[in-house]
Amino acid sequence: MSARGQNKVQLEVSKHMNAMSLTSSEAASYIESMCSELAGLADRGGLGFLAYLLEVAREEALLHCDGGGEPLVLHGELPPG
C-alpha cells in the first residue's frame, strides 16, 4: 500500500475507532462498511474465498446494525415457511 493509501486508512481508523465512544451498532456499521470494501478488493484481486469470508462477516455485522439502509439479504438461508 502506498504511503498516501496508508494515511487515508489511518485517518479513517482514527475518525471511527474511538472504542470508548462507539455503540455496538456504530461499531457493527463501521465493520460492515470495511468488510464490504475489503470484499470488493479481494474479489478484484482474484481472492475469491477471502472475498466470500469477508462477505459473510459483512452480513453478520449487518445483523447487529440498527435498522435503516438496504434490506438484509441472507445468502444460503431457507425462505420462511
PDB file of N, CA and C in Angstrom:
ATOM      1  N   MET A   1       0.855  -1.169   0.000  1.00  0.00           N
ATOM      2  CA  MET A   1       0.000   0.000   0.000  1.00  0.00           C
ATOM      3  C   MET A   1       0.901   1.232   0.000  1.00  0.00           C
ATOM      4  N   SER A   2       0.514   2.202  -0.771  1.00  0.00           N
ATOM      5  CA  SER A   2       1.294   3.441  -0.831  1.00  0.00           C
ATOM      6  C   SER A   2       1.160   4.220   0.470  1.00  0.00           C
ATOM      7  N   ALA A   3       2.081   5.147   0.671  1.00  0.00           N
ATOM      8  CA  ALA A   3       2.035   5.985   1.881  1.00  0.00           C
ATOM      9  C   ALA A   3       0.737   6.780   1.920  1.00  0.00           C
ATOM     10  N   ARG A   4       0.288   7.243   0.755  1.00  0.00           N
ATOM     11  CA  ARG A   4      -0.968   8.009   0.706  1.00  0.00           C
ATOM     12  C   ARG A   4      -2.150   7.137   1.115  1.00  0.00           C
ATOM     13  N   GLY A   5      -2.150   5.884   0.630  1.00  0.00           N
ATOM     14  CA  GLY A   5      -3.218   4.960   0.996  1.00  0.00           C
ATOM     15  C   GLY A   5      -3.207   4.642   2.481  1.00  0.00           C
ATOM     16  N   GLN A   6      -2.001   4.469   3.039  1.00  0.00           N
ATOM     17  CA  GLN A   6      -1.894   4.197   4.469  1.00  0.00           C
ATOM     18  C   GLN A   6      -2.390   5.381   5.288  1.00  0.00           C
ATOM     19  N   ASN A   7      -2.059   6.592   4.854  1.00  0.00           N
ATOM     20  CA  ASN A   7      -2.532   7.786   5.571  1.00  0.00           C
ATOM     21  C   ASN A   7      -4.044   7.868   5.550  1.00  0.00           C
ATOM     22  N   LYS A   8      -4.650   7.536   4.411  1.00  0.00           N
ATOM     23  CA  LYS A   8      -6.102   7.572   4.295  1.00  0.00           C
ATOM     24  C   LYS A   8      -6.735   6.553   5.240  1.00  0.00           C
ATOM     25  N   VAL A   9      -6.164   5.342   5.279  1.00  0.00           N
ATOM     26  CA  VAL A   9      -6.686   4.306   6.168  1.00  0.00           C
ATOM     27  C   VAL A   9      -6.529   4.741   7.622  1.00  0.00           C
ATOM     28  N   GLN A  10      -5.361   5.281   7.978  1.00  0.00           N
ATOM     29  CA  GLN A  10      -5.143   5.730   9.353  1.00  0.00           C
ATOM     30  C   GLN A  10      -6.116   6.831   9.739  1.00  0.00           C
ATOM     31  N   LEU A  11      -6.417   7.737   8.827  1.00  0.00           N
ATOM     32  CA  LEU A  11      -7.377   8.802   9.094  1.00  0.00           C
ATOM     33  C   LEU A  11      -8.756   8.218   9.347  1.00  0.00           C
ATOM     34  N   GLU A  12      -9.172   7.267   8.500  1.00  0.00           N
ATOM     35  CA  GLU A  12     -10.475   6.632   8.681  1.00  0.00           C
ATOM     36  C   GLU A  12     -10.542   5.912  10.019  1.00  0.00           C
ATOM     37  N   VAL A  13      -9.489   5.179  10.339  1.00  0.00           N
ATOM     38  CA  VAL A  13      -9.478   4.433  11.593  1.00  0.00           C
ATOM     39  C   VAL A  13      -9.538   5.390  12.776  1.00  0.00           C
ATOM     40  N   SER A  14      -8.728   6.446  12.748  1.00  0.00           N
ATOM     41  CA  SER A  14      -8.736   7.375  13.878  1.00  0.00           C
ATOM     42  C   SER A  14     -10.076   8.092  13.998  1.00  0.00           C
ATOM     43  N   LYS A  15     -10.732   8.332  12.865  1.00  0.00           N
ATOM     44  CA  LYS A  15     -12.023   9.009  12.876  1.00  0.00           C
ATOM     45  C   LYS A  15     -13.103   8.122  13.503  1.00  0.00           C
ATOM     46  N   HIS A  16     -13.008   6.821  13.272  1.00  0.00           N
ATOM     47  CA  HIS A  16     -14.107   5.933  13.647  1.00  0.00           C
ATOM     48  C   HIS A  16     -13.808   4.998  14.815  1.00  0.00           C
ATOM     49  N   MET A  17     -12.572   4.916  15.241  1.00  0.00           N
ATOM     50  CA  MET A  17     -12.250   3.851  16.168  1.00  0.00           C
ATOM     51  C   MET A  17     -11.988   4.298  17.599  1.00  0.00           C
ATOM     52  N   ASN A  18     -12.578   5.370  18.033  1.00  0.00           N
ATOM     53  CA  ASN A  18     -12.501   5.715  19.444  1.00  0.00           C
ATOM     54  C   ASN A  18     -13.447   4.751  20.157  1.00  0.00           C
ATOM     55  N   ALA A  19     -12.909   3.612  20.540  1.00  0.00           N
ATOM     56  CA  ALA A  19     -13.720   2.491  21.023  1.00  0.00           C
ATOM     57  C   ALA A  19     -14.590   2.871  22.214  1.00  0.00           C
ATOM     58  N   MET A  20     -14.158   3.793  23.011  1.00  0.00           N
ATOM     59  CA  MET A  20     -14.925   4.144  24.193  1.00  0.00           C
ATOM     60  C   MET A  20     -16.204   4.899  23.835  1.00  0.00           C
ATOM     61  N   SER A  21     -16.269   5.484  22.651  1.00  0.00           N
ATOM     62  CA  SER A  21     -17.448   6.269  22.304  1.00  0.00           C
ATOM     63  C   SER A  21     -18.345   5.581  21.276  1.00  0.00           C
ATOM     64  N   LEU A  22     -17.960   4.407  20.783  1.00  0.00           N
ATOM     65  CA  LEU A  22     -18.773   3.707  19.796  1.00  0.00           C
ATOM     66  C   LEU A  22     -19.815   2.829  20.480  1.00  0.00           C
ATOM     67  N   THR A  23     -21.041   2.903  19.989  1.00  0.00           N
ATOM     68  CA  THR A  23     -22.041   1.933  20.428  1.00  0.00           C
ATOM     69  C   THR A  23     -21.807   0.654  19.647  1.00  0.00           C
ATOM     70  N   SER A  24     -22.408  -0.426  20.067  1.00  0.00           N
ATOM     71  CA  SER A  24     -22.240  -1.683  19.338  1.00  0.00           C
ATOM     72  C   SER A  24     -22.811  -1.562  17.924  1.00  0.00           C
ATOM     73  N   SER A  25     -23.888  -0.808  17.764  1.00  0.00           N
ATOM     74  CA  SER A  25     -24.468  -0.613  16.446  1.00  0.00           C
ATOM     75  C   SER A  25     -23.533   0.193  15.536  1.00  0.00           C
ATOM     76  N   GLU A  26     -22.885   1.223  16.098  1.00  0.00           N
ATOM     77  CA  GLU A  26     -21.942   2.021  15.314  1.00  0.00           C
ATOM     78  C   GLU A  26     -20.723   1.190  14.918  1.00  0.00           C
ATOM     79  N   ALA A  27     -20.241   0.377  15.838  1.00  0.00           N
ATOM     80  CA  ALA A  27     -19.110  -0.499  15.535  1.00  0.00           C
ATOM     81  C   ALA A  27     -19.492  -1.489  14.441  1.00  0.00           C
ATOM     82  N   ALA A  28     -20.685  -2.072  14.538  1.00  0.00           N
ATOM     83  CA  ALA A  28     -21.150  -3.022  13.526  1.00  0.00           C
ATOM     84  C   ALA A  28     -21.278  -2.348  12.166  1.00  0.00           C
ATOM     85  N   SER A  29     -21.761  -1.121  12.148  1.00  0.00           N
ATOM     86  CA  SER A  29     -21.908  -0.383  10.903  1.00  0.00           C
ATOM     87  C   SER A  29     -20.542  -0.114  10.261  1.00  0.00           C
ATOM     88  N   TYR A  30     -19.576   0.274  11.072  1.00  0.00           N
ATOM     89  CA  TYR A  30     -18.229   0.515  10.570  1.00  0.00           C
ATOM     90  C   TYR A  30     -17.607  -0.777  10.035  1.00  0.00           C
ATOM     91  N   ILE A  31     -17.766  -1.867  10.780  1.00  0.00           N
ATOM     92  CA  ILE A  31     -17.231  -3.156  10.361  1.00  0.00           C
ATOM     93  C   ILE A  31     -17.884  -3.605   9.059  1.00  0.00           C
ATOM     94  N   GLU A  32     -19.191  -3.400   8.945  1.00  0.00           N
ATOM     95  CA  GLU A  32     -19.899  -3.761   7.701  1.00  0.00           C
ATOM     96  C   GLU A  32     -19.329  -3.003   6.519  1.00  0.00           C
ATOM     97  N   SER A  33     -19.103  -1.720   6.693  1.00  0.00           N
ATOM     98  CA  SER A  33     -18.565  -0.892   5.617  1.00  0.00           C
ATOM     99  C   SER A  33     -17.164  -1.350   5.211  1.00  0.00           C
ATOM    100  N   MET A  34     -16.321  -1.599   6.200  1.00  0.00           N
ATOM    101  CA  MET A  34     -14.951  -2.031   5.904  1.00  0.00           C
ATOM    102  C   MET A  34     -14.938  -3.400   5.240  1.00  0.00           C
ATOM    103  N   CYS A  35     -15.761  -4.321   5.717  1.00  0.00           N
ATOM    104  CA  CYS A  35     -15.820  -5.652   5.110  1.00  0.00           C
ATOM    105  C   CYS A  35     -16.296  -5.577   3.668  1.00  0.00           C
ATOM    106  N   SER A  36     -17.242  -4.692   3.398  1.00  0.00           N
ATOM    107  CA  SER A  36     -17.732  -4.518   2.038  1.00  0.00           C
ATOM    108  C   SER A  36     -16.611  -4.053   1.115  1.00  0.00           C
ATOM    109  N   GLU A  37     -15.855  -3.051   1.563  1.00  0.00           N
ATOM    110  CA  GLU A  37     -14.740  -2.551   0.753  1.00  0.00           C
ATOM    111  C   GLU A  37     -13.662  -3.610   0.579  1.00  0.00           C
ATOM    112  N   LEU A  38     -13.329  -4.316   1.652  1.00  0.00           N
ATOM    113  CA  LEU A  38     -12.290  -5.342   1.581  1.00  0.00           C
ATOM    114  C   LEU A  38     -12.718  -6.522   0.722  1.00  0.00           C
ATOM    115  N   ALA A  39     -14.004  -6.894   0.772  1.00  0.00           N
ATOM    116  CA  ALA A  39     -14.500  -7.993  -0.064  1.00  0.00           C
ATOM    117  C   ALA A  39     -14.372  -7.636  -1.539  1.00  0.00           C
ATOM    118  N   GLY A  40     -14.683  -6.389  -1.888  1.00  0.00           N
ATOM    119  CA  GLY A  40     -14.525  -5.947  -3.272  1.00  0.00           C
ATOM    120  C   GLY A  40     -13.066  -5.980  -3.706  1.00  0.00           C
ATOM    121  N   LEU A  41     -12.182  -5.546  -2.832  1.00  0.00           N
ATOM    122  CA  LEU A  41     -10.754  -5.562  -3.114  1.00  0.00           C
ATOM    123  C   LEU A  41     -10.259  -6.997  -3.315  1.00  0.00           C
ATOM    124  N   ALA A  42     -10.685  -7.885  -2.423  1.00  0.00           N
ATOM    125  CA  ALA A  42     -10.288  -9.286  -2.528  1.00  0.00           C
ATOM    126  C   ALA A  42     -10.805  -9.898  -3.833  1.00  0.00           C
ATOM    127  N   ASP A  43     -12.044  -9.592  -4.184  1.00  0.00           N
ATOM    128  CA  ASP A  43     -12.632 -10.126  -5.416  1.00  0.00           C
ATOM    129  C   ASP A  43     -11.870  -9.636  -6.642  1.00  0.00           C
ATOM    130  N   ARG A  44     -11.584  -8.343  -6.684  1.00  0.00           N
ATOM    131  CA  ARG A  44     -10.827  -7.785  -7.813  1.00  0.00           C
ATOM    132  C   ARG A  44      -9.410  -8.345  -7.878  1.00  0.00           C
ATOM    133  N   GLY A  45      -8.887  -8.762  -6.736  1.00  0.00           N
ATOM    134  CA  GLY A  45      -7.539  -9.324  -6.685  1.00  0.00           C
ATOM    135  C   GLY A  45      -7.494 -10.821  -6.928  1.00  0.00           C
ATOM    136  N   GLY A  46      -8.643 -11.406  -7.266  1.00  0.00           N
ATOM    137  CA  GLY A  46      -8.682 -12.831  -7.553  1.00  0.00           C
ATOM    138  C   GLY A  46      -8.658 -13.714  -6.313  1.00  0.00           C
ATOM    139  N   LEU A  47      -9.030 -13.156  -5.173  1.00  0.00           N
ATOM    140  CA  LEU A  47      -9.035 -13.898  -3.913  1.00  0.00           C
ATOM    141  C   LEU A  47     -10.475 -14.242  -3.533  1.00  0.00           C
ATOM    142  N   GLY A  48     -11.068 -15.125  -4.320  1.00  0.00           N
ATOM    143  CA  GLY A  48     -12.483 -15.442  -4.192  1.00  0.00           C
ATOM    144  C   GLY A  48     -12.910 -15.930  -2.828  1.00  0.00           C
ATOM    145  N   PHE A  49     -12.138 -16.854  -2.236  1.00  0.00           N
ATOM    146  CA  PHE A  49     -12.543 -17.392  -0.936  1.00  0.00           C
ATOM    147  C   PHE A  49     -12.452 -16.326   0.144  1.00  0.00           C
ATOM    148  N   LEU A  50     -11.421 -15.507   0.086  1.00  0.00           N
ATOM    149  CA  LEU A  50     -11.290 -14.415   1.049  1.00  0.00           C
ATOM    150  C   LEU A  50     -12.448 -13.430   0.879  1.00  0.00           C
ATOM    151  N   ALA A  51     -12.820 -13.121  -0.362  1.00  0.00           N
ATOM    152  CA  ALA A  51     -13.961 -12.239  -0.616  1.00  0.00           C
ATOM    153  C   ALA A  51     -15.236 -12.829  -0.016  1.00  0.00           C
ATOM    154  N   TYR A  52     -15.396 -14.138  -0.155  1.00  0.00           N
ATOM    155  CA  TYR A  52     -16.559 -14.820   0.412  1.00  0.00           C
ATOM    156  C   TYR A  52     -16.584 -14.681   1.939  1.00  0.00           C
ATOM    157  N   LEU A  53     -15.439 -14.938   2.575  1.00  0.00           N
ATOM    158  CA  LEU A  53     -15.383 -14.837   4.035  1.00  0.00           C
ATOM    159  C   LEU A  53     -15.677 -13.419   4.515  1.00  0.00           C
ATOM    160  N   LEU A  54     -15.167 -12.429   3.806  1.00  0.00           N
ATOM    161  CA  LEU A  54     -15.445 -11.042   4.164  1.00  0.00           C
ATOM    162  C   LEU A  54     -16.916 -10.707   3.976  1.00  0.00           C
ATOM    163  N   GLU A  55     -17.537 -11.288   2.958  1.00  0.00           N
ATOM    164  CA  GLU A  55     -18.967 -11.073   2.740  1.00  0.00           C
ATOM    165  C   GLU A  55     -19.783 -11.692   3.871  1.00  0.00           C
ATOM    166  N   VAL A  56     -19.366 -12.851   4.353  1.00  0.00           N
ATOM    167  CA  VAL A  56     -20.035 -13.482   5.499  1.00  0.00           C
ATOM    168  C   VAL A  56     -19.908 -12.583   6.730  1.00  0.00           C
ATOM    169  N   ALA A  57     -18.717 -12.042   6.956  1.00  0.00           N
ATOM    170  CA  ALA A  57     -18.507 -11.134   8.090  1.00  0.00           C
ATOM    171  C   ALA A  57     -19.362  -9.878   7.936  1.00  0.00           C
ATOM    172  N   ARG A  58     -19.485  -9.371   6.699  1.00  0.00           N
ATOM    173  CA  ARG A  58     -20.318  -8.190   6.440  1.00  0.00           C
ATOM    174  C   ARG A  58     -21.774  -8.471   6.795  1.00  0.00           C
ATOM    175  N   GLU A  59     -22.262  -9.638   6.389  1.00  0.00           N
ATOM    176  CA  GLU A  59     -23.651  -9.993   6.680  1.00  0.00           C
ATOM    177  C   GLU A  59     -23.876 -10.143   8.183  1.00  0.00           C
ATOM    178  N   GLU A  60     -22.903 -10.707   8.877  1.00  0.00           N
ATOM    179  CA  GLU A  60     -23.018 -10.832  10.336  1.00  0.00           C
ATOM    180  C   GLU A  60     -23.064  -9.447  10.975  1.00  0.00           C
ATOM    181  N   ALA A  61     -22.221  -8.533  10.510  1.00  0.00           N
ATOM    182  CA  ALA A  61     -22.227  -7.169  11.048  1.00  0.00           C
ATOM    183  C   ALA A  61     -23.577  -6.500  10.808  1.00  0.00           C
ATOM    184  N   LEU A  62     -24.166  -6.732   9.640  1.00  0.00           N
ATOM    185  CA  LEU A  62     -25.477  -6.144   9.338  1.00  0.00           C
ATOM    186  C   LEU A  62     -26.542  -6.586  10.338  1.00  0.00           C
ATOM    187  N   LEU A  63     -26.408  -7.800  10.829  1.00  0.00           N
ATOM    188  CA  LEU A  63     -27.380  -8.298  11.813  1.00  0.00           C
ATOM    189  C   LEU A  63     -27.342  -7.491  13.109  1.00  0.00           C
ATOM    190  N   HIS A  64     -26.231  -6.810  13.349  1.00  0.00           N
ATOM    191  CA  HIS A  64     -26.053  -6.063  14.588  1.00  0.00           C
ATOM    192  C   HIS A  64     -26.228  -4.553  14.414  1.00  0.00           C
ATOM    193  N   CYS A  65     -26.522  -4.129  13.200  1.00  0.00           N
ATOM    194  CA  CYS A  65     -26.770  -2.704  12.929  1.00  0.00           C
ATOM    195  C   CYS A  65     -28.216  -2.376  13.243  1.00  0.00           C
ATOM    196  N   ASP A  66     -28.442  -1.136  13.705  1.00  0.00           N
ATOM    197  CA  ASP A  66     -29.821  -0.686  13.850  1.00  0.00           C
ATOM    198  C   ASP A  66     -30.422  -0.569  12.463  1.00  0.00           C
ATOM    199  N   GLY A  67     -31.749  -0.580  12.370  1.00  0.00           N
ATOM    200  CA  GLY A  67     -32.451  -0.537  11.087  1.00  0.00           C
ATOM    201  C   GLY A  67     -31.971   0.550  10.151  1.00  0.00           C
ATOM    202  N   GLY A  68     -32.605   0.645   9.021  1.00  0.00           N
ATOM    203  CA  GLY A  68     -32.205   1.617   8.014  1.00  0.00           C
ATOM    204  C   GLY A  68     -31.287   0.973   7.003  1.00  0.00           C
ATOM    205  N   GLY A  69     -30.953   1.709   5.996  1.00  0.00           N
ATOM    206  CA  GLY A  69     -30.077   1.176   4.966  1.00  0.00           C
ATOM    207  C   GLY A  69     -30.810   0.193   4.078  1.00  0.00           C
ATOM    208  N   GLU A  70     -30.038  -0.546   3.323  1.00  0.00           N
ATOM    209  CA  GLU A  70     -30.649  -1.501   2.407  1.00  0.00           C
ATOM    210  C   GLU A  70     -31.136  -2.720   3.173  1.00  0.00           C
ATOM    211  N   PRO A  71     -32.152  -3.425   2.622  1.00  0.00           N
ATOM    212  CA  PRO A  71     -32.673  -4.598   3.313  1.00  0.00           C
ATOM    213  C   PRO A  71     -31.612  -5.697   3.393  1.00  0.00           C
ATOM    214  N   LEU A  72     -31.637  -6.432   4.479  1.00  0.00           N
ATOM    215  CA  LEU A  72     -30.694  -7.516   4.693  1.00  0.00           C
ATOM    216  C   LEU A  72     -31.108  -8.719   3.856  1.00  0.00           C
ATOM    217  N   VAL A  73     -30.188  -9.236   3.073  1.00  0.00           N
ATOM    218  CA  VAL A  73     -30.415 -10.445   2.294  1.00  0.00           C
ATOM    219  C   VAL A  73     -29.453 -11.491   2.834  1.00  0.00           C
ATOM    220  N   LEU A  74     -30.000 -12.551   3.386  1.00  0.00           N
ATOM    221  CA  LEU A  74     -29.167 -13.620   3.921  1.00  0.00           C
ATOM    222  C   LEU A  74     -28.988 -14.674   2.836  1.00  0.00           C
ATOM    223  N   HIS A  75     -27.773 -14.908   2.433  1.00  0.00           N
ATOM    224  CA  HIS A  75     -27.482 -15.906   1.411  1.00  0.00           C
ATOM    225  C   HIS A  75     -27.401 -17.272   2.059  1.00  0.00           C
ATOM    226  N   GLY A  76     -27.955 -18.271   1.394  1.00  0.00           N
ATOM    227  CA  GLY A  76     -27.866 -19.624   1.897  1.00  0.00           C
ATOM    228  C   GLY A  76     -28.904 -19.960   2.960  1.00  0.00           C
ATOM    229  N   GLU A  77     -29.853 -19.096   3.199  1.00  0.00           N
ATOM    230  CA  GLU A  77     -30.891 -19.351   4.176  1.00  0.00           C
ATOM    231  C   GLU A  77     -32.144 -19.876   3.449  1.00  0.00           C
ATOM    232  N   LEU A  78     -32.857 -20.755   4.113  1.00  0.00           N
ATOM    233  CA  LEU A  78     -34.117 -21.218   3.545  1.00  0.00           C
ATOM    234  C   LEU A  78     -35.169 -20.124   3.663  1.00  0.00           C
ATOM    235  N   PRO A  79     -36.031 -20.009   2.666  1.00  0.00           N
ATOM    236  CA  PRO A  79     -37.089 -18.996   2.768  1.00  0.00           C
ATOM    237  C   PRO A  79     -38.043 -19.352   3.903  1.00  0.00           C
ATOM    238  N   PRO A  80     -38.663 -18.322   4.509  1.00  0.00           N
ATOM    239  CA  PRO A  80     -39.610 -18.599   5.603  1.00  0.00           C
ATOM    240  C   PRO A  80     -40.761 -19.461   5.127  1.00  0.00           C
ATOM    241  N   GLY A  81     -41.165 -20.335   5.977  1.00  0.00           N
ATOM    242  CA  GLY A  81     -42.220 -21.170   5.887  1.00  0.00           C
ATOM    243  C   GLY A  81     -43.081 -21.770   5.025  1.00  0.00           C
TER     244      GLY A  81
END
